[in-house]
Amino acid sequence: MSKINPKHEMVICVDMKEEIVCIYSPSMLHHLKDNHDLFANGAFKSCPRQFHQIYTIITISNGQYLPTSFFLLPESSTGTYKGMFQLFHSIYHQTTGLTLDGKSLHRDFEKASHTAE
């Protein structure tokens, strides 16, 4: 675990089997408890060379967009997205004790991410 500042620690989680890296803030994940909508977006050009894509999950709190987690992905296949969403569900449950049931996930236009969950 590495700390960015005293208020917002960042945790790095690696799924070795799926080759997915997740960087998240437990305090930011807690903002999801009060919000129904999650937004997800992938970017390719701003991703580190060792990975294919960086994928961000965002929520809105008090009118501000808050990134809750970042995923570094090895490819943009349905299987990779499925592994990423499973990892996100697991991290959210371990951090908050809650599930994402009843939340709406609004995704970008990439078809593989829509068929992954």
PDB file of N, CA and C in Angstrom:
ATOM      1  N   MET A   1       0.855  -1.170   0.000  1.00  0.00           N
ATOM      2  CA  MET A   1       0.000   0.000   0.000  1.00  0.00           C
ATOM      3  C   MET A   1       0.901   1.233   0.000  1.00  0.00           C
ATOM      4  N   SER A   2       0.595   2.187  -0.853  1.00  0.00           N
ATOM      5  CA  SER A   2       1.352   3.436  -0.850  1.00  0.00           C
ATOM      6  C   SER A   2       0.404   4.585  -0.576  1.00  0.00           C
ATOM      7  N   LYS A   3       0.884   5.582   0.130  1.00  0.00           N
ATOM      8  CA  LYS A   3       0.030   6.712   0.501  1.00  0.00           C
ATOM      9  C   LYS A   3       0.327   7.910  -0.392  1.00  0.00           C
ATOM     10  N   ILE A   4      -0.733   8.504  -0.912  1.00  0.00           N
ATOM     11  CA  ILE A   4      -0.616   9.714  -1.713  1.00  0.00           C
ATOM     12  C   ILE A   4      -0.587  10.920  -0.787  1.00  0.00           C
ATOM     13  N   ASN A   5      -1.514  10.974   0.135  1.00  0.00           N
ATOM     14  CA  ASN A   5      -1.511  11.970   1.198  1.00  0.00           C
ATOM     15  C   ASN A   5      -2.189  11.337   2.399  1.00  0.00           C
ATOM     16  N   PRO A   6      -2.109  11.941   3.566  1.00  0.00           N
ATOM     17  CA  PRO A   6      -2.643  11.289   4.763  1.00  0.00           C
ATOM     18  C   PRO A   6      -4.135  10.960   4.697  1.00  0.00           C
ATOM     19  N   LYS A   7      -4.918  11.702   3.937  1.00  0.00           N
ATOM     20  CA  LYS A   7      -6.360  11.476   3.895  1.00  0.00           C
ATOM     21  C   LYS A   7      -6.772  10.398   2.897  1.00  0.00           C
ATOM     22  N   HIS A   8      -6.002  10.224   1.831  1.00  0.00           N
ATOM     23  CA  HIS A   8      -6.412   9.321   0.749  1.00  0.00           C
ATOM     24  C   HIS A   8      -5.326   8.298   0.454  1.00  0.00           C
ATOM     25  N   GLU A   9      -5.405   7.157   1.102  1.00  0.00           N
ATOM     26  CA  GLU A   9      -4.454   6.107   0.789  1.00  0.00           C
ATOM     27  C   GLU A   9      -4.866   5.439  -0.513  1.00  0.00           C
ATOM     28  N   MET A  10      -3.894   4.958  -1.236  1.00  0.00           N
ATOM     29  CA  MET A  10      -4.143   4.246  -2.483  1.00  0.00           C
ATOM     30  C   MET A  10      -3.650   2.817  -2.301  1.00  0.00           C
ATOM     31  N   VAL A  11      -4.435   1.883  -2.776  1.00  0.00           N
ATOM     32  CA  VAL A  11      -4.096   0.474  -2.664  1.00  0.00           C
ATOM     33  C   VAL A  11      -3.889  -0.074  -4.071  1.00  0.00           C
ATOM     34  N   ILE A  12      -2.861  -0.883  -4.223  1.00  0.00           N
ATOM     35  CA  ILE A  12      -2.595  -1.543  -5.499  1.00  0.00           C
ATOM     36  C   ILE A  12      -2.885  -3.028  -5.323  1.00  0.00           C
ATOM     37  N   CYS A  13      -3.726  -3.559  -6.193  1.00  0.00           N
ATOM     38  CA  CYS A  13      -4.126  -4.963  -6.147  1.00  0.00           C
ATOM     39  C   CYS A  13      -3.818  -5.570  -7.514  1.00  0.00           C
ATOM     40  N   VAL A  14      -3.168  -6.726  -7.523  1.00  0.00           N
ATOM     41  CA  VAL A  14      -2.801  -7.367  -8.785  1.00  0.00           C
ATOM     42  C   VAL A  14      -3.463  -8.737  -8.874  1.00  0.00           C
ATOM     43  N   ASP A  15      -4.193  -8.952  -9.947  1.00  0.00           N
ATOM     44  CA  ASP A  15      -4.751 -10.263 -10.255  1.00  0.00           C
ATOM     45  C   ASP A  15      -3.765 -10.921 -11.217  1.00  0.00           C
ATOM     46  N   MET A  16      -2.926 -11.799 -10.678  1.00  0.00           N
ATOM     47  CA  MET A  16      -1.856 -12.397 -11.474  1.00  0.00           C
ATOM     48  C   MET A  16      -2.404 -13.289 -12.592  1.00  0.00           C
ATOM     49  N   LYS A  17      -3.495 -13.983 -12.330  1.00  0.00           N
ATOM     50  CA  LYS A  17      -4.061 -14.885 -13.339  1.00  0.00           C
ATOM     51  C   LYS A  17      -4.568 -14.099 -14.546  1.00  0.00           C
ATOM     52  N   GLU A  18      -5.306 -13.041 -14.294  1.00  0.00           N
ATOM     53  CA  GLU A  18      -5.884 -12.236 -15.373  1.00  0.00           C
ATOM     54  C   GLU A  18      -4.938 -11.139 -15.868  1.00  0.00           C
ATOM     55  N   GLU A  19      -3.817 -10.934 -15.155  1.00  0.00           N
ATOM     56  CA  GLU A  19      -2.844  -9.880 -15.479  1.00  0.00           C
ATOM     57  C   GLU A  19      -3.483  -8.497 -15.450  1.00  0.00           C
ATOM     58  N   ILE A  20      -4.302  -8.266 -14.417  1.00  0.00           N
ATOM     59  CA  ILE A  20      -4.998  -6.994 -14.236  1.00  0.00           C
ATOM     60  C   ILE A  20      -4.457  -6.321 -12.980  1.00  0.00           C
ATOM     61  N   VAL A  21      -4.141  -5.045 -13.098  1.00  0.00           N
ATOM     62  CA  VAL A  21      -3.703  -4.251 -11.952  1.00  0.00           C
ATOM     63  C   VAL A  21      -4.816  -3.266 -11.614  1.00  0.00           C
ATOM     64  N   CYS A  22      -5.174  -3.198 -10.337  1.00  0.00           N
ATOM     65  CA  CYS A  22      -6.180  -2.238  -9.879  1.00  0.00           C
ATOM     66  C   CYS A  22      -5.545  -1.299  -8.865  1.00  0.00           C
ATOM     67  N   ILE A  23      -5.772  -0.022  -9.043  1.00  0.00           N
ATOM     68  CA  ILE A  23      -5.330   0.997  -8.091  1.00  0.00           C
ATOM     69  C   ILE A  23      -6.593   1.695  -7.616  1.00  0.00           C
ATOM     70  N   TYR A  24      -6.811   1.684  -6.301  1.00  0.00           N
ATOM     71  CA  TYR A  24      -8.047   2.272  -5.786  1.00  0.00           C
ATOM     72  C   TYR A  24      -7.821   2.926  -4.431  1.00  0.00           C
ATOM     73  N   SER A  25      -8.762   3.769  -4.081  1.00  0.00           N
ATOM     74  CA  SER A  25      -8.768   4.446  -2.790  1.00  0.00           C
ATOM     75  C   SER A  25      -9.954   3.928  -1.985  1.00  0.00           C
ATOM     76  N   PRO A  26      -9.714   3.291  -0.836  1.00  0.00           N
ATOM     77  CA  PRO A  26     -10.836   2.828  -0.018  1.00  0.00           C
ATOM     78  C   PRO A  26     -11.813   3.947   0.334  1.00  0.00           C
ATOM     79  N   SER A  27     -11.302   5.133   0.617  1.00  0.00           N
ATOM     80  CA  SER A  27     -12.211   6.236   0.971  1.00  0.00           C
ATOM     81  C   SER A  27     -13.086   6.630  -0.216  1.00  0.00           C
ATOM     82  N   MET A  28     -12.559   6.560  -1.429  1.00  0.00           N
ATOM     83  CA  MET A  28     -13.366   6.871  -2.609  1.00  0.00           C
ATOM     84  C   MET A  28     -14.406   5.785  -2.869  1.00  0.00           C
ATOM     85  N   LEU A  29     -14.064   4.530  -2.605  1.00  0.00           N
ATOM     86  CA  LEU A  29     -15.037   3.451  -2.791  1.00  0.00           C
ATOM     87  C   LEU A  29     -16.237   3.628  -1.872  1.00  0.00           C
ATOM     88  N   HIS A  30     -16.027   4.206  -0.706  1.00  0.00           N
ATOM     89  CA  HIS A  30     -17.140   4.424   0.221  1.00  0.00           C
ATOM     90  C   HIS A  30     -18.157   5.429  -0.329  1.00  0.00           C
ATOM     91  N   HIS A  31     -17.749   6.283  -1.262  1.00  0.00           N
ATOM     92  CA  HIS A  31     -18.696   7.214  -1.890  1.00  0.00           C
ATOM     93  C   HIS A  31     -19.742   6.473  -2.730  1.00  0.00           C
ATOM     94  N   LEU A  32     -19.429   5.267  -3.157  1.00  0.00           N
ATOM     95  CA  LEU A  32     -20.374   4.498  -3.965  1.00  0.00           C
ATOM     96  C   LEU A  32     -21.596   4.067  -3.165  1.00  0.00           C
ATOM     97  N   LYS A  33     -21.461   3.987  -1.847  1.00  0.00           N
ATOM     98  CA  LYS A  33     -22.578   3.523  -1.016  1.00  0.00           C
ATOM     99  C   LYS A  33     -23.823   4.378  -1.206  1.00  0.00           C
ATOM    100  N   ASP A  34     -23.643   5.675  -1.379  1.00  0.00           N
ATOM    101  CA  ASP A  34     -24.769   6.604  -1.458  1.00  0.00           C
ATOM    102  C   ASP A  34     -25.176   6.948  -2.886  1.00  0.00           C
ATOM    103  N   ASN A  35     -24.549   6.320  -3.861  1.00  0.00           N
ATOM    104  CA  ASN A  35     -24.815   6.657  -5.257  1.00  0.00           C
ATOM    105  C   ASN A  35     -25.307   5.444  -6.030  1.00  0.00           C
ATOM    106  N   HIS A  36     -26.294   5.680  -6.862  1.00  0.00           N
ATOM    107  CA  HIS A  36     -26.877   4.611  -7.668  1.00  0.00           C
ATOM    108  C   HIS A  36     -26.097   4.404  -8.968  1.00  0.00           C
ATOM    109  N   ASP A  37     -25.514   5.468  -9.502  1.00  0.00           N
ATOM    110  CA  ASP A  37     -24.880   5.414 -10.817  1.00  0.00           C
ATOM    111  C   ASP A  37     -23.361   5.354 -10.732  1.00  0.00           C
ATOM    112  N   LEU A  38     -22.795   4.449 -11.531  1.00  0.00           N
ATOM    113  CA  LEU A  38     -21.351   4.349 -11.730  1.00  0.00           C
ATOM    114  C   LEU A  38     -21.086   4.573 -13.213  1.00  0.00           C
ATOM    115  N   PHE A  39     -19.968   5.171 -13.508  1.00  0.00           N
ATOM    116  CA  PHE A  39     -19.586   5.425 -14.894  1.00  0.00           C
ATOM    117  C   PHE A  39     -18.236   4.769 -15.139  1.00  0.00           C
ATOM    118  N   ALA A  40     -18.091   4.114 -16.290  1.00  0.00           N
ATOM    119  CA  ALA A  40     -16.853   3.414 -16.606  1.00  0.00           C
ATOM    120  C   ALA A  40     -16.373   3.835 -17.985  1.00  0.00           C
ATOM    121  N   ASN A  41     -15.079   4.063 -18.080  1.00  0.00           N
ATOM    122  CA  ASN A  41     -14.520   4.514 -19.347  1.00  0.00           C
ATOM    123  C   ASN A  41     -13.097   3.989 -19.504  1.00  0.00           C
ATOM    124  N   GLY A  42     -12.781   3.551 -20.698  1.00  0.00           N
ATOM    125  CA  GLY A  42     -11.441   3.076 -21.001  1.00  0.00           C
ATOM    126  C   GLY A  42     -10.700   4.052 -21.889  1.00  0.00           C
ATOM    127  N   ALA A  43      -9.387   4.077 -21.735  1.00  0.00           N
ATOM    128  CA  ALA A  43      -8.530   4.925 -22.568  1.00  0.00           C
ATOM    129  C   ALA A  43      -7.323   4.101 -23.014  1.00  0.00           C
ATOM    130  N   PHE A  44      -6.898   4.328 -24.221  1.00  0.00           N
ATOM    131  CA  PHE A  44      -5.785   3.571 -24.773  1.00  0.00           C
ATOM    132  C   PHE A  44      -4.509   4.401 -24.876  1.00  0.00           C
ATOM    133  N   LYS A  45      -4.614   5.625 -25.338  1.00  0.00           N
ATOM    134  CA  LYS A  45      -3.427   6.441 -25.595  1.00  0.00           C
ATOM    135  C   LYS A  45      -2.719   6.898 -24.325  1.00  0.00           C
ATOM    136  N   SER A  46      -3.453   7.029 -23.227  1.00  0.00           N
ATOM    137  CA  SER A  46      -2.833   7.499 -21.981  1.00  0.00           C
ATOM    138  C   SER A  46      -2.422   6.348 -21.063  1.00  0.00           C
ATOM    139  N   CYS A  47      -2.418   5.147 -21.588  1.00  0.00           N
ATOM    140  CA  CYS A  47      -2.087   3.953 -20.814  1.00  0.00           C
ATOM    141  C   CYS A  47      -0.580   3.684 -20.858  1.00  0.00           C
ATOM    142  N   PRO A  48      -0.006   3.207 -19.749  1.00  0.00           N
ATOM    143  CA  PRO A  48       1.414   2.829 -19.786  1.00  0.00           C
ATOM    144  C   PRO A  48       1.666   1.769 -20.867  1.00  0.00           C
ATOM    145  N   ARG A  49       2.832   1.804 -21.466  1.00  0.00           N
ATOM    146  CA  ARG A  49       3.174   0.915 -22.585  1.00  0.00           C
ATOM    147  C   ARG A  49       3.027  -0.574 -22.276  1.00  0.00           C
ATOM    148  N   GLN A  50       3.243  -0.954 -21.024  1.00  0.00           N
ATOM    149  CA  GLN A  50       3.192  -2.369 -20.660  1.00  0.00           C
ATOM    150  C   GLN A  50       1.766  -2.929 -20.694  1.00  0.00           C
ATOM    151  N   PHE A  51       0.785  -2.050 -20.812  1.00  0.00           N
ATOM    152  CA  PHE A  51      -0.614  -2.470 -20.799  1.00  0.00           C
ATOM    153  C   PHE A  51      -1.312  -1.996 -22.068  1.00  0.00           C
ATOM    154  N   HIS A  52      -2.476  -2.559 -22.299  1.00  0.00           N
ATOM    155  CA  HIS A  52      -3.248  -2.224 -23.494  1.00  0.00           C
ATOM    156  C   HIS A  52      -4.216  -1.067 -23.232  1.00  0.00           C
ATOM    157  N   GLN A  53      -4.751  -1.010 -21.994  1.00  0.00           N
ATOM    158  CA  GLN A  53      -5.803  -0.037 -21.703  1.00  0.00           C
ATOM    159  C   GLN A  53      -5.814   0.320 -20.218  1.00  0.00           C
ATOM    160  N   ILE A  54      -6.181   1.572 -19.919  1.00  0.00           N
ATOM    161  CA  ILE A  54      -6.489   1.966 -18.548  1.00  0.00           C
ATOM    162  C   ILE A  54      -7.995   2.200 -18.490  1.00  0.00           C
ATOM    163  N   TYR A  55      -8.629   1.618 -17.488  1.00  0.00           N
ATOM    164  CA  TYR A  55     -10.084   1.666 -17.360  1.00  0.00           C
ATOM    165  C   TYR A  55     -10.401   2.297 -16.014  1.00  0.00           C
ATOM    166  N   THR A  56     -11.261   3.291 -16.006  1.00  0.00           N
ATOM    167  CA  THR A  56     -11.578   4.043 -14.794  1.00  0.00           C
ATOM    168  C   THR A  56     -13.045   3.864 -14.434  1.00  0.00           C
ATOM    169  N   ILE A  57     -13.317   3.668 -13.141  1.00  0.00           N
ATOM    170  CA  ILE A  57     -14.691   3.622 -12.643  1.00  0.00           C
ATOM    171  C   ILE A  57     -14.902   4.853 -11.772  1.00  0.00           C
ATOM    172  N   ILE A  58     -15.950   5.602 -12.095  1.00  0.00           N
ATOM    173  CA  ILE A  58     -16.200   6.929 -11.522  1.00  0.00           C
ATOM    174  C   ILE A  58     -17.597   6.967 -10.914  1.00  0.00           C
ATOM    175  N   THR A  59     -17.781   7.778  -9.877  1.00  0.00           N
ATOM    176  CA  THR A  59     -19.107   8.064  -9.346  1.00  0.00           C
ATOM    177  C   THR A  59     -19.252   9.572  -9.192  1.00  0.00           C
ATOM    178  N   ILE A  60     -20.447  10.014  -8.897  1.00  0.00           N
ATOM    179  CA  ILE A  60     -20.697  11.438  -8.664  1.00  0.00           C
ATOM    180  C   ILE A  60     -21.103  11.609  -7.210  1.00  0.00           C
ATOM    181  N   SER A  61     -20.477  12.567  -6.542  1.00  0.00           N
ATOM    182  CA  SER A  61     -20.813  12.872  -5.153  1.00  0.00           C
ATOM    183  C   SER A  61     -20.796  14.382  -4.976  1.00  0.00           C
ATOM    184  N   ASN A  62     -21.895  14.920  -4.480  1.00  0.00           N
ATOM    185  CA  ASN A  62     -22.023  16.372  -4.291  1.00  0.00           C
ATOM    186  C   ASN A  62     -21.703  17.145  -5.566  1.00  0.00           C
ATOM    187  N   GLY A  63     -22.141  16.624  -6.703  1.00  0.00           N
ATOM    188  CA  GLY A  63     -21.940  17.303  -7.974  1.00  0.00           C
ATOM    189  C   GLY A  63     -20.545  17.186  -8.549  1.00  0.00           C
ATOM    190  N   GLN A  64     -19.681  16.381  -7.923  1.00  0.00           N
ATOM    191  CA  GLN A  64     -18.315  16.216  -8.417  1.00  0.00           C
ATOM    192  C   GLN A  64     -18.102  14.784  -8.896  1.00  0.00           C
ATOM    193  N   TYR A  65     -17.369  14.647  -9.992  1.00  0.00           N
ATOM    194  CA  TYR A  65     -17.003  13.325 -10.485  1.00  0.00           C
ATOM    195  C   TYR A  65     -15.804  12.834  -9.687  1.00  0.00           C
ATOM    196  N   LEU A  66     -15.928  11.641  -9.115  1.00  0.00           N
ATOM    197  CA  LEU A  66     -14.860  11.077  -8.293  1.00  0.00           C
ATOM    198  C   LEU A  66     -14.394   9.748  -8.876  1.00  0.00           C
ATOM    199  N   PRO A  67     -13.136   9.658  -9.304  1.00  0.00           N
ATOM    200  CA  PRO A  67     -12.630   8.363  -9.749  1.00  0.00           C
ATOM    201  C   PRO A  67     -12.433   7.459  -8.532  1.00  0.00           C
ATOM    202  N   THR A  68     -13.049   6.290  -8.560  1.00  0.00           N
ATOM    203  CA  THR A  68     -12.946   5.377  -7.419  1.00  0.00           C
ATOM    204  C   THR A  68     -11.859   4.337  -7.610  1.00  0.00           C
ATOM    205  N   SER A  69     -11.605   3.971  -8.867  1.00  0.00           N
ATOM    206  CA  SER A  69     -10.609   2.938  -9.125  1.00  0.00           C
ATOM    207  C   SER A  69     -10.124   3.021 -10.568  1.00  0.00           C
ATOM    208  N   PHE A  70      -8.890   2.555 -10.747  1.00  0.00           N
ATOM    209  CA  PHE A  70      -8.247   2.521 -12.057  1.00  0.00           C
ATOM    210  C   PHE A  70      -7.768   1.096 -12.295  1.00  0.00           C
ATOM    211  N   PHE A  71      -7.988   0.597 -13.501  1.00  0.00           N
ATOM    212  CA  PHE A  71      -7.545  -0.750 -13.852  1.00  0.00           C
ATOM    213  C   PHE A  71      -6.608  -0.670 -15.049  1.00  0.00           C
ATOM    214  N   LEU A  72      -5.485  -1.342 -14.966  1.00  0.00           N
ATOM    215  CA  LEU A  72      -4.574  -1.487 -16.095  1.00  0.00           C
ATOM    216  C   LEU A  72      -4.826  -2.869 -16.681  1.00  0.00           C
ATOM    217  N   LEU A  73      -5.222  -2.899 -17.950  1.00  0.00           N
ATOM    218  CA  LEU A  73      -5.667  -4.139 -18.584  1.00  0.00           C
ATOM    219  C   LEU A  73      -4.702  -4.586 -19.678  1.00  0.00           C
ATOM    220  N   PRO A  74      -4.508  -5.912 -19.820  1.00  0.00           N
ATOM    221  CA  PRO A  74      -3.596  -6.421 -20.843  1.00  0.00           C
ATOM    222  C   PRO A  74      -4.203  -6.449 -22.241  1.00  0.00           C
ATOM    223  N   GLU A  75      -5.537  -6.425 -22.335  1.00  0.00           N
ATOM    224  CA  GLU A  75      -6.236  -6.440 -23.621  1.00  0.00           C
ATOM    225  C   GLU A  75      -7.663  -5.957 -23.401  1.00  0.00           C
ATOM    226  N   SER A  76      -8.399  -5.791 -24.480  1.00  0.00           N
ATOM    227  CA  SER A  76      -9.781  -5.304 -24.354  1.00  0.00           C
ATOM    228  C   SER A  76     -10.765  -6.358 -24.848  1.00  0.00           C
ATOM    229  N   SER A  77     -10.655  -7.553 -24.279  1.00  0.00           N
ATOM    230  CA  SER A  77     -11.556  -8.646 -24.649  1.00  0.00           C
ATOM    231  C   SER A  77     -12.669  -8.780 -23.608  1.00  0.00           C
ATOM    232  N   THR A  78     -13.716  -9.488 -23.973  1.00  0.00           N
ATOM    233  CA  THR A  78     -14.813  -9.727 -23.033  1.00  0.00           C
ATOM    234  C   THR A  78     -14.305 -10.436 -21.781  1.00  0.00           C
ATOM    235  N   GLY A  79     -13.418 -11.413 -21.941  1.00  0.00           N
ATOM    236  CA  GLY A  79     -12.866 -12.138 -20.794  1.00  0.00           C
ATOM    237  C   GLY A  79     -12.091 -11.238 -19.847  1.00  0.00           C
ATOM    238  N   THR A  80     -11.319 -10.315 -20.397  1.00  0.00           N
ATOM    239  CA  THR A  80     -10.563  -9.377 -19.561  1.00  0.00           C
ATOM    240  C   THR A  80     -11.505  -8.456 -18.808  1.00  0.00           C
ATOM    241  N   TYR A  81     -12.513  -7.935 -19.491  1.00  0.00           N
ATOM    242  CA  TYR A  81     -13.477  -7.065 -18.810  1.00  0.00           C
ATOM    243  C   TYR A  81     -14.232  -7.833 -17.727  1.00  0.00           C
ATOM    244  N   LYS A  82     -14.564  -9.074 -18.018  1.00  0.00           N
ATOM    245  CA  LYS A  82     -15.262  -9.898 -17.024  1.00  0.00           C
ATOM    246  C   LYS A  82     -14.384 -10.058 -15.780  1.00  0.00           C
ATOM    247  N   GLY A  83     -13.100 -10.358 -15.972  1.00  0.00           N
ATOM    248  CA  GLY A  83     -12.174 -10.471 -14.843  1.00  0.00           C
ATOM    249  C   GLY A  83     -12.044  -9.162 -14.081  1.00  0.00           C
ATOM    250  N   MET A  84     -12.013  -8.050 -14.800  1.00  0.00           N
ATOM    251  CA  MET A  84     -11.918  -6.736 -14.162  1.00  0.00           C
ATOM    252  C   MET A  84     -13.156  -6.445 -13.322  1.00  0.00           C
ATOM    253  N   PHE A  85     -14.344  -6.693 -13.873  1.00  0.00           N
ATOM    254  CA  PHE A  85     -15.570  -6.426 -13.119  1.00  0.00           C
ATOM    255  C   PHE A  85     -15.679  -7.343 -11.902  1.00  0.00           C
ATOM    256  N   GLN A  86     -15.249  -8.597 -12.029  1.00  0.00           N
ATOM    257  CA  GLN A  86     -15.254  -9.497 -10.874  1.00  0.00           C
ATOM    258  C   GLN A  86     -14.301  -8.992  -9.798  1.00  0.00           C
ATOM    259  N   LEU A  87     -13.132  -8.528 -10.210  1.00  0.00           N
ATOM    260  CA  LEU A  87     -12.170  -7.968  -9.259  1.00  0.00           C
ATOM    261  C   LEU A  87     -12.744  -6.728  -8.588  1.00  0.00           C
ATOM    262  N   PHE A  88     -13.399  -5.869  -9.354  1.00  0.00           N
ATOM    263  CA  PHE A  88     -14.000  -4.663  -8.787  1.00  0.00           C
ATOM    264  C   PHE A  88     -15.081  -5.018  -7.766  1.00  0.00           C
ATOM    265  N   HIS A  89     -15.941  -5.971  -8.099  1.00  0.00           N
ATOM    266  CA  HIS A  89     -16.981  -6.409  -7.157  1.00  0.00           C
ATOM    267  C   HIS A  89     -16.348  -6.930  -5.865  1.00  0.00           C
ATOM    268  N   SER A  90     -15.303  -7.725  -5.995  1.00  0.00           N
ATOM    269  CA  SER A  90     -14.627  -8.299  -4.834  1.00  0.00           C
ATOM    270  C   SER A  90     -13.978  -7.217  -3.968  1.00  0.00           C
ATOM    271  N   ILE A  91     -13.284  -6.287  -4.598  1.00  0.00           N
ATOM    272  CA  ILE A  91     -12.635  -5.192  -3.861  1.00  0.00           C
ATOM    273  C   ILE A  91     -13.678  -4.342  -3.153  1.00  0.00           C
ATOM    274  N   TYR A  92     -14.761  -4.029  -3.845  1.00  0.00           N
ATOM    275  CA  TYR A  92     -15.816  -3.211  -3.235  1.00  0.00           C
ATOM    276  C   TYR A  92     -16.406  -3.913  -2.012  1.00  0.00           C
ATOM    277  N   HIS A  93     -16.675  -5.202  -2.145  1.00  0.00           N
ATOM    278  CA  HIS A  93     -17.249  -5.952  -1.025  1.00  0.00           C
ATOM    279  C   HIS A  93     -16.266  -6.042   0.151  1.00  0.00           C
ATOM    280  N   GLN A  94     -14.994  -6.321  -0.135  1.00  0.00           N
ATOM    281  CA  GLN A  94     -13.986  -6.410   0.926  1.00  0.00           C
ATOM    282  C   GLN A  94     -13.790  -5.072   1.625  1.00  0.00           C
ATOM    283  N   THR A  95     -13.911  -3.982   0.891  1.00  0.00           N
ATOM    284  CA  THR A  95     -13.669  -2.645   1.448  1.00  0.00           C
ATOM    285  C   THR A  95     -14.860  -2.123   2.235  1.00  0.00           C
ATOM    286  N   THR A  96     -16.068  -2.352   1.720  1.00  0.00           N
ATOM    287  CA  THR A  96     -17.257  -1.743   2.329  1.00  0.00           C
ATOM    288  C   THR A  96     -18.167  -2.738   3.042  1.00  0.00           C
ATOM    289  N   GLY A  97     -18.016  -4.027   2.753  1.00  0.00           N
ATOM    290  CA  GLY A  97     -18.926  -5.027   3.295  1.00  0.00           C
ATOM    291  C   GLY A  97     -20.244  -5.084   2.546  1.00  0.00           C
ATOM    292  N   LEU A  98     -20.343  -4.356   1.446  1.00  0.00           N
ATOM    293  CA  LEU A  98     -21.578  -4.276   0.659  1.00  0.00           C
ATOM    294  C   LEU A  98     -21.373  -4.889  -0.719  1.00  0.00           C
ATOM    295  N   THR A  99     -22.481  -5.049  -1.444  1.00  0.00           N
ATOM    296  CA  THR A  99     -22.406  -5.495  -2.833  1.00  0.00           C
ATOM    297  C   THR A  99     -22.822  -4.339  -3.738  1.00  0.00           C
ATOM    298  N   LEU A 100     -22.628  -4.522  -5.012  1.00  0.00           N
ATOM    299  CA  LEU A 100     -23.009  -3.505  -5.993  1.00  0.00           C
ATOM    300  C   LEU A 100     -24.417  -3.729  -6.537  1.00  0.00           C
ATOM    301  N   ASP A 101     -25.184  -4.611  -5.907  1.00  0.00           N
ATOM    302  CA  ASP A 101     -26.557  -4.862  -6.343  1.00  0.00           C
ATOM    303  C   ASP A 101     -27.353  -3.563  -6.329  1.00  0.00           C
ATOM    304  N   GLY A 102     -28.131  -3.350  -7.390  1.00  0.00           N
ATOM    305  CA  GLY A 102     -28.956  -2.150  -7.476  1.00  0.00           C
ATOM    306  C   GLY A 102     -28.247  -0.940  -8.054  1.00  0.00           C
ATOM    307  N   LYS A 103     -26.953  -1.064  -8.349  1.00  0.00           N
ATOM    308  CA  LYS A 103     -26.203   0.041  -8.953  1.00  0.00           C
ATOM    309  C   LYS A 103     -26.311  -0.063 -10.473  1.00  0.00           C
ATOM    310  N   SER A 104     -26.319   1.071 -11.136  1.00  0.00           N
ATOM    311  CA  SER A 104     -26.310   1.114 -12.599  1.00  0.00           C
ATOM    312  C   SER A 104     -24.911   1.470 -13.067  1.00  0.00           C
ATOM    313  N   LEU A 105     -24.375   0.651 -13.970  1.00  0.00           N
ATOM    314  CA  LEU A 105     -23.050   0.898 -14.515  1.00  0.00           C
ATOM    315  C   LEU A 105     -23.204   1.398 -15.943  1.00  0.00           C
ATOM    316  N   HIS A 106     -22.814   2.637 -16.182  1.00  0.00           N
ATOM    317  CA  HIS A 106     -22.862   3.256 -17.512  1.00  0.00           C
ATOM    318  C   HIS A 106     -21.462   3.136 -18.110  1.00  0.00           C
ATOM    319  N   ARG A 107     -21.345   2.400 -19.217  1.00  0.00           N
ATOM    320  CA  ARG A 107     -20.035   2.108 -19.800  1.00  0.00           C
ATOM    321  C   ARG A 107     -19.802   2.882 -21.086  1.00  0.00           C
ATOM    322  N   ASP A 108     -18.541   2.876 -21.492  1.00  0.00           N
ATOM    323  CA  ASP A 108     -18.196   3.517 -22.758  1.00  0.00           C
ATOM    324  C   ASP A 108     -18.731   2.673 -23.913  1.00  0.00           C
ATOM    325  N   PHE A 109     -18.326   2.998 -25.108  1.00  0.00           N
ATOM    326  CA  PHE A 109     -18.918   2.403 -26.304  1.00  0.00           C
ATOM    327  C   PHE A 109     -18.318   1.066 -26.710  1.00  0.00           C
ATOM    328  N   GLU A 110     -17.318   0.606 -26.004  1.00  0.00           N
ATOM    329  CA  GLU A 110     -16.665  -0.634 -26.411  1.00  0.00           C
ATOM    330  C   GLU A 110     -17.575  -1.839 -26.157  1.00  0.00           C
ATOM    331  N   LYS A 111     -17.914  -2.535 -27.214  1.00  0.00           N
ATOM    332  CA  LYS A 111     -18.897  -3.622 -27.147  1.00  0.00           C
ATOM    333  C   LYS A 111     -18.492  -4.721 -26.163  1.00  0.00           C
ATOM    334  N   ALA A 112     -17.223  -5.080 -26.116  1.00  0.00           N
ATOM    335  CA  ALA A 112     -16.772  -6.169 -25.243  1.00  0.00           C
ATOM    336  C   ALA A 112     -17.045  -5.874 -23.775  1.00  0.00           C
ATOM    337  N   SER A 113     -17.000  -4.608 -23.375  1.00  0.00           N
ATOM    338  CA  SER A 113     -17.263  -4.280 -21.967  1.00  0.00           C
ATOM    339  C   SER A 113     -18.738  -4.442 -21.627  1.00  0.00           C
ATOM    340  N   HIS A 114     -19.613  -4.286 -22.610  1.00  0.00           N
ATOM    341  CA  HIS A 114     -21.051  -4.413 -22.368  1.00  0.00           C
ATOM    342  C   HIS A 114     -21.490  -5.866 -22.204  1.00  0.00           C
ATOM    343  N   THR A 115     -20.760  -6.782 -22.788  1.00  0.00           N
ATOM    344  CA  THR A 115     -21.127  -8.196 -22.694  1.00  0.00           C
ATOM    345  C   THR A 115     -20.385  -8.917 -21.580  1.00  0.00           C
ATOM    346  N   ALA A 116     -19.582  -8.206 -20.820  1.00  0.00           N
ATOM    347  CA  ALA A 116     -18.701  -8.842 -19.836  1.00  0.00           C
ATOM    348  C   ALA A 116     -19.357  -9.166 -18.513  1.00  0.00           C
ATOM    349  N   GLU A 117     -20.394  -8.470 -18.112  1.00  0.00           N
ATOM    350  CA  GLU A 117     -20.892  -8.654 -16.752  1.00  0.00           C
ATOM    351  C   GLU A 117     -21.878  -9.721 -16.594  1.00  0.00           C
TER     352      GLU A 117
END
